[in-house]
Protein backbone atom coordinates (compact mmCIF):
# COMPACT_ATOMS: atom_id res chain seq x y z
CA MET A 1 -51.18 -6.84 -117.12
CA THR A 2 -51.38 -4.92 -120.37
CA LYS A 3 -53.56 -1.89 -120.96
CA SER A 4 -56.86 -2.86 -122.49
CA ASN A 5 -59.52 -0.95 -124.35
CA LYS A 6 -62.20 -3.35 -123.08
CA ARG A 7 -64.42 -1.26 -120.82
CA VAL A 8 -67.34 -2.21 -118.63
CA ALA A 9 -69.55 -0.35 -116.17
CA VAL A 10 -70.72 -2.42 -113.22
CA THR A 11 -73.79 -1.21 -111.38
CA GLY A 12 -73.88 -2.25 -107.74
CA GLY A 13 -70.15 -2.91 -107.78
CA HIS A 14 -69.95 -2.87 -103.99
CA GLY A 15 -72.81 -5.33 -103.55
CA LYS A 16 -72.75 -9.08 -103.03
CA ILE A 17 -72.10 -10.00 -106.67
CA GLY A 18 -70.14 -6.86 -107.55
CA LYS A 19 -67.46 -7.53 -104.92
CA THR A 20 -66.62 -10.73 -106.77
CA LEU A 21 -67.32 -9.55 -110.32
CA VAL A 22 -65.20 -6.37 -110.30
CA PRO A 23 -61.89 -8.09 -109.37
CA TYR A 24 -62.69 -10.95 -111.77
CA LEU A 25 -63.10 -8.50 -114.67
CA ARG A 26 -59.97 -6.53 -113.73
CA GLU A 27 -57.87 -9.72 -113.63
CA ARG A 28 -59.00 -10.42 -117.19
CA GLY A 29 -57.90 -7.03 -118.50
CA TYR A 30 -61.12 -5.01 -118.39
CA ASN A 31 -61.17 -1.36 -117.40
CA VAL A 32 -63.93 -1.37 -114.79
CA PHE A 33 -66.03 1.64 -113.80
CA THR A 34 -68.27 1.06 -110.79
CA ILE A 35 -71.57 2.81 -110.21
CA ASP A 36 -73.01 2.37 -106.72
CA ARG A 37 -74.98 4.16 -104.02
CA ASP A 38 -72.04 3.69 -101.61
CA GLY A 39 -68.74 5.54 -101.74
CA PRO A 40 -65.51 4.11 -103.19
CA GLU A 41 -63.67 1.34 -101.35
CA SER A 42 -60.31 2.79 -102.45
CA LEU A 43 -59.25 6.17 -103.77
CA GLU A 44 -57.80 4.64 -106.96
CA GLU A 45 -61.09 3.01 -107.89
CA PRO A 46 -62.80 4.68 -110.88
CA MET A 47 -66.40 4.96 -109.75
CA MET A 48 -69.36 7.25 -109.33
CA VAL A 49 -71.80 7.44 -106.46
CA ALA A 50 -75.32 7.43 -107.92
CA ASP A 51 -78.79 6.13 -107.21
CA LEU A 52 -79.80 4.53 -110.49
CA THR A 53 -83.48 4.66 -109.52
CA ASP A 54 -83.18 8.43 -110.10
CA PHE A 55 -83.29 9.05 -113.86
CA GLY A 56 -81.06 12.15 -113.74
CA GLN A 57 -78.39 10.42 -111.66
CA ALA A 58 -78.53 7.39 -113.97
CA LEU A 59 -77.92 9.59 -117.04
CA ASP A 60 -75.07 11.40 -115.32
CA ALA A 61 -73.42 8.16 -114.24
CA LEU A 62 -73.61 6.47 -117.63
CA SER A 63 -72.46 9.59 -119.48
CA MET A 64 -69.35 9.72 -117.24
CA VAL A 65 -68.12 6.21 -118.12
CA PRO A 66 -66.16 7.03 -121.33
CA SER A 67 -64.52 10.17 -119.94
CA VAL A 68 -63.33 8.57 -116.68
CA MET A 69 -61.79 5.46 -118.18
């Protein structure tokens, strides 16, 4: 797979839909950044643990997306 500059942040990436959506996007060349209340499923996974119902955590999580990818 070639390096892509298509980036997407998936909230709830470890949830019911996210577990299917994240691999689907990666297979299609997207750089995926997961934001979830649970910890990472693998150490290589670019993600941030955050509760998006907390405004401060939501701002922190979304401001991290460009710098992590």
